[in-house]
Amino acid sequence: MSVPPGHLVRTGYVAVGKIDMACRARMAVGDVKESYERLIQMGSHQPWPCPRGHWSGERFVVVDGRHQFVASLMLGLEYLLVAWVEPA
């Protein structure tokens, strides 16, 4: 993620049902497993850095962090901590 001058990085929890993936290409099972295990170890906390993306209307589009998003779905999490850039 690059942050242009005069912009801010915002973070927040988004309901997983309101998240889309920008890239829907195949994923390596091992990469998803690694994210899954990391989330299990975190318990009720969310890891940093978190998935990054942008808003498209009411939905959040994950651009980087899709393995963690899928792992969150597998664990049945209701919310995912995400980050995005917006003008200051």
N, C-alpha and C. Protein backbone atom coordinates (compact mmCIF):
# COMPACT_ATOMS: atom_id res chain seq x y z
N MET A 1 0.86 -1.17 0.00
CA MET A 1 0.00 0.00 0.00
C MET A 1 0.90 1.23 0.00
N SER A 2 0.57 2.18 -0.84
CA SER A 2 1.29 3.45 -0.81
C SER A 2 0.32 4.52 -0.33
N VAL A 3 0.87 5.48 0.40
CA VAL A 3 0.04 6.53 0.97
C VAL A 3 0.49 7.86 0.38
N PRO A 4 -0.33 8.48 -0.48
CA PRO A 4 0.03 9.76 -1.07
C PRO A 4 0.08 10.87 -0.01
N PRO A 5 0.85 11.93 -0.26
CA PRO A 5 0.85 13.06 0.67
C PRO A 5 -0.57 13.60 0.86
N GLY A 6 -0.86 13.99 2.09
CA GLY A 6 -2.18 14.55 2.39
C GLY A 6 -3.26 13.51 2.60
N HIS A 7 -2.90 12.24 2.69
CA HIS A 7 -3.86 11.17 2.93
C HIS A 7 -3.58 10.49 4.27
N LEU A 8 -4.54 9.77 4.76
CA LEU A 8 -4.42 9.04 6.03
C LEU A 8 -4.71 7.56 5.81
N VAL A 9 -4.12 6.74 6.67
CA VAL A 9 -4.45 5.31 6.69
C VAL A 9 -5.45 5.11 7.81
N ARG A 10 -6.59 4.57 7.48
CA ARG A 10 -7.63 4.28 8.46
C ARG A 10 -7.72 2.77 8.66
N THR A 11 -8.11 2.38 9.85
CA THR A 11 -8.36 0.97 10.13
C THR A 11 -9.72 0.84 10.79
N GLY A 12 -10.29 -0.33 10.67
CA GLY A 12 -11.57 -0.58 11.32
C GLY A 12 -12.00 -2.02 11.12
N TYR A 13 -12.95 -2.44 11.92
CA TYR A 13 -13.50 -3.78 11.79
C TYR A 13 -14.66 -3.74 10.81
N VAL A 14 -14.66 -4.67 9.87
CA VAL A 14 -15.71 -4.77 8.86
C VAL A 14 -16.32 -6.17 8.96
N ALA A 15 -17.62 -6.25 8.89
CA ALA A 15 -18.30 -7.55 8.90
C ALA A 15 -17.84 -8.36 7.69
N VAL A 16 -17.48 -9.62 7.90
CA VAL A 16 -16.95 -10.44 6.80
C VAL A 16 -17.96 -10.60 5.67
N GLY A 17 -19.23 -10.47 5.95
CA GLY A 17 -20.25 -10.56 4.92
C GLY A 17 -20.27 -9.35 3.99
N LYS A 18 -19.56 -8.29 4.35
CA LYS A 18 -19.50 -7.08 3.53
C LYS A 18 -18.13 -6.92 2.87
N ILE A 19 -17.40 -8.02 2.76
CA ILE A 19 -16.05 -7.98 2.18
C ILE A 19 -16.01 -8.79 0.90
N ASP A 20 -15.37 -8.22 -0.12
CA ASP A 20 -15.12 -8.91 -1.39
C ASP A 20 -13.61 -8.99 -1.60
N MET A 21 -13.19 -9.89 -2.48
CA MET A 21 -11.77 -10.01 -2.83
C MET A 21 -11.55 -9.42 -4.22
N ALA A 22 -10.52 -8.59 -4.35
CA ALA A 22 -10.19 -8.02 -5.65
C ALA A 22 -9.65 -9.11 -6.58
N CYS A 23 -8.86 -10.01 -6.04
CA CYS A 23 -8.27 -11.10 -6.83
C CYS A 23 -8.89 -12.42 -6.40
N ARG A 24 -9.48 -13.11 -7.35
CA ARG A 24 -10.12 -14.39 -7.03
C ARG A 24 -9.36 -15.57 -7.63
N ALA A 25 -8.09 -15.34 -7.94
CA ALA A 25 -7.26 -16.41 -8.49
C ALA A 25 -7.03 -17.49 -7.43
N ARG A 26 -6.58 -18.64 -7.89
CA ARG A 26 -6.30 -19.75 -6.99
C ARG A 26 -5.30 -19.33 -5.91
N MET A 27 -5.46 -19.93 -4.74
CA MET A 27 -4.55 -19.68 -3.63
C MET A 27 -3.89 -20.98 -3.22
N ALA A 28 -2.66 -20.87 -2.76
CA ALA A 28 -1.96 -22.04 -2.25
C ALA A 28 -2.57 -22.45 -0.92
N VAL A 29 -2.91 -23.71 -0.78
CA VAL A 29 -3.53 -24.21 0.44
C VAL A 29 -2.63 -23.95 1.65
N GLY A 30 -1.33 -24.11 1.46
CA GLY A 30 -0.38 -23.89 2.56
C GLY A 30 -0.39 -22.45 3.06
N ASP A 31 -0.58 -21.50 2.16
CA ASP A 31 -0.62 -20.09 2.56
C ASP A 31 -1.87 -19.79 3.38
N VAL A 32 -2.99 -20.37 2.98
CA VAL A 32 -4.23 -20.18 3.74
C VAL A 32 -4.10 -20.87 5.10
N LYS A 33 -3.49 -22.04 5.12
CA LYS A 33 -3.29 -22.78 6.38
C LYS A 33 -2.44 -21.97 7.34
N GLU A 34 -1.40 -21.33 6.83
CA GLU A 34 -0.52 -20.50 7.66
C GLU A 34 -1.31 -19.34 8.29
N SER A 35 -2.15 -18.69 7.50
CA SER A 35 -2.98 -17.60 8.02
C SER A 35 -3.99 -18.12 9.04
N TYR A 36 -4.56 -19.28 8.76
CA TYR A 36 -5.52 -19.92 9.66
C TYR A 36 -4.88 -20.19 11.02
N GLU A 37 -3.69 -20.79 11.00
CA GLU A 37 -3.00 -21.11 12.25
C GLU A 37 -2.62 -19.84 13.02
N ARG A 38 -2.22 -18.81 12.29
CA ARG A 38 -1.87 -17.54 12.93
C ARG A 38 -3.09 -16.95 13.63
N LEU A 39 -4.25 -16.99 12.98
CA LEU A 39 -5.46 -16.47 13.59
C LEU A 39 -5.88 -17.27 14.82
N ILE A 40 -5.70 -18.58 14.77
CA ILE A 40 -6.01 -19.42 15.93
C ILE A 40 -5.15 -19.01 17.12
N GLN A 41 -3.86 -18.77 16.86
CA GLN A 41 -2.95 -18.38 17.94
C GLN A 41 -3.29 -17.02 18.52
N MET A 42 -3.89 -16.14 17.71
CA MET A 42 -4.22 -14.79 18.17
C MET A 42 -5.45 -14.78 19.10
N GLY A 43 -6.24 -15.83 19.07
CA GLY A 43 -7.45 -15.87 19.90
C GLY A 43 -8.46 -14.84 19.43
N SER A 44 -8.90 -13.97 20.33
CA SER A 44 -9.90 -12.96 19.98
C SER A 44 -9.29 -11.69 19.38
N HIS A 45 -7.96 -11.64 19.31
CA HIS A 45 -7.29 -10.46 18.75
C HIS A 45 -7.12 -10.61 17.24
N GLN A 46 -6.82 -9.50 16.57
CA GLN A 46 -6.58 -9.51 15.12
C GLN A 46 -5.12 -9.13 14.88
N PRO A 47 -4.45 -9.76 13.94
CA PRO A 47 -3.04 -9.47 13.69
C PRO A 47 -2.80 -8.16 12.94
N TRP A 48 -1.58 -7.65 13.09
CA TRP A 48 -1.12 -6.48 12.35
C TRP A 48 0.15 -6.88 11.64
N PRO A 49 0.40 -6.55 10.40
CA PRO A 49 -0.47 -5.73 9.57
C PRO A 49 -1.72 -6.50 9.15
N CYS A 50 -2.78 -5.76 8.98
CA CYS A 50 -4.06 -6.36 8.62
C CYS A 50 -4.27 -6.28 7.11
N PRO A 51 -5.26 -7.00 6.59
CA PRO A 51 -5.57 -6.90 5.15
C PRO A 51 -5.85 -5.46 4.75
N ARG A 52 -5.45 -5.12 3.53
CA ARG A 52 -5.61 -3.76 3.02
C ARG A 52 -6.48 -3.77 1.78
N GLY A 53 -7.15 -2.66 1.55
CA GLY A 53 -8.00 -2.57 0.38
C GLY A 53 -8.65 -1.21 0.26
N HIS A 54 -9.87 -1.18 -0.28
CA HIS A 54 -10.58 0.08 -0.49
C HIS A 54 -12.08 -0.18 -0.42
N TRP A 55 -12.81 0.91 -0.27
CA TRP A 55 -14.27 0.82 -0.22
C TRP A 55 -14.85 0.95 -1.61
N SER A 56 -15.85 0.14 -1.90
CA SER A 56 -16.61 0.22 -3.14
C SER A 56 -18.08 0.28 -2.72
N GLY A 57 -18.55 1.49 -2.51
CA GLY A 57 -19.90 1.65 -1.98
C GLY A 57 -19.93 1.19 -0.53
N GLU A 58 -20.84 0.28 -0.23
CA GLU A 58 -21.00 -0.24 1.12
C GLU A 58 -20.08 -1.44 1.41
N ARG A 59 -19.36 -1.89 0.40
CA ARG A 59 -18.54 -3.10 0.54
C ARG A 59 -17.06 -2.76 0.57
N PHE A 60 -16.31 -3.57 1.31
CA PHE A 60 -14.86 -3.39 1.38
C PHE A 60 -14.22 -4.43 0.46
N VAL A 61 -13.28 -4.00 -0.38
CA VAL A 61 -12.61 -4.88 -1.32
C VAL A 61 -11.18 -5.12 -0.85
N VAL A 62 -10.86 -6.36 -0.49
CA VAL A 62 -9.51 -6.71 -0.04
C VAL A 62 -8.60 -6.83 -1.26
N VAL A 63 -7.54 -6.04 -1.27
CA VAL A 63 -6.55 -6.07 -2.34
C VAL A 63 -5.34 -6.89 -1.92
N ASP A 64 -4.95 -6.77 -0.65
CA ASP A 64 -3.81 -7.50 -0.11
C ASP A 64 -4.22 -8.09 1.23
N GLY A 65 -4.20 -9.41 1.35
CA GLY A 65 -4.59 -10.06 2.59
C GLY A 65 -5.71 -11.06 2.41
N ARG A 66 -5.88 -11.53 1.18
CA ARG A 66 -6.99 -12.45 0.92
C ARG A 66 -6.85 -13.78 1.64
N HIS A 67 -5.61 -14.23 1.90
CA HIS A 67 -5.42 -15.49 2.63
C HIS A 67 -5.98 -15.35 4.05
N GLN A 68 -5.71 -14.20 4.67
CA GLN A 68 -6.23 -13.96 6.01
C GLN A 68 -7.75 -13.84 5.99
N PHE A 69 -8.30 -13.23 4.96
CA PHE A 69 -9.75 -13.13 4.84
C PHE A 69 -10.39 -14.52 4.75
N VAL A 70 -9.85 -15.38 3.91
CA VAL A 70 -10.39 -16.73 3.76
C VAL A 70 -10.24 -17.50 5.07
N ALA A 71 -9.11 -17.35 5.74
CA ALA A 71 -8.90 -18.02 7.03
C ALA A 71 -9.93 -17.53 8.05
N SER A 72 -10.26 -16.25 8.01
CA SER A 72 -11.27 -15.69 8.91
C SER A 72 -12.64 -16.33 8.66
N LEU A 73 -12.96 -16.51 7.37
CA LEU A 73 -14.21 -17.18 7.02
C LEU A 73 -14.21 -18.62 7.54
N MET A 74 -13.09 -19.30 7.39
CA MET A 74 -12.99 -20.69 7.84
C MET A 74 -13.19 -20.81 9.35
N LEU A 75 -12.74 -19.79 10.10
CA LEU A 75 -12.88 -19.82 11.56
C LEU A 75 -14.23 -19.30 12.03
N GLY A 76 -15.02 -18.78 11.10
CA GLY A 76 -16.34 -18.28 11.47
C GLY A 76 -16.30 -16.93 12.16
N LEU A 77 -15.24 -16.16 11.93
CA LEU A 77 -15.16 -14.82 12.54
C LEU A 77 -16.24 -13.92 11.93
N GLU A 78 -16.78 -13.04 12.73
CA GLU A 78 -17.81 -12.13 12.25
C GLU A 78 -17.23 -10.85 11.66
N TYR A 79 -16.07 -10.42 12.18
CA TYR A 79 -15.46 -9.17 11.75
C TYR A 79 -13.98 -9.36 11.45
N LEU A 80 -13.46 -8.52 10.55
CA LEU A 80 -12.06 -8.56 10.17
C LEU A 80 -11.51 -7.15 10.25
N LEU A 81 -10.35 -7.00 10.91
CA LEU A 81 -9.67 -5.71 10.96
C LEU A 81 -9.02 -5.45 9.61
N VAL A 82 -9.31 -4.30 9.00
CA VAL A 82 -8.78 -3.96 7.68
C VAL A 82 -8.25 -2.53 7.70
N ALA A 83 -7.47 -2.18 6.68
CA ALA A 83 -6.92 -0.83 6.54
C ALA A 83 -7.18 -0.31 5.13
N TRP A 84 -7.34 1.02 5.01
CA TRP A 84 -7.55 1.67 3.72
C TRP A 84 -6.99 3.09 3.79
N VAL A 85 -6.77 3.70 2.63
CA VAL A 85 -6.25 5.06 2.53
C VAL A 85 -7.39 5.98 2.13
N GLU A 86 -7.44 7.16 2.76
CA GLU A 86 -8.44 8.17 2.39
C GLU A 86 -7.84 9.56 2.53
N PRO A 87 -8.41 10.54 1.82
CA PRO A 87 -7.90 11.91 1.93
C PRO A 87 -8.03 12.43 3.36
N ALA A 88 -7.09 13.28 3.76
CA ALA A 88 -7.10 13.84 5.12
C ALA A 88 -8.22 14.86 5.28
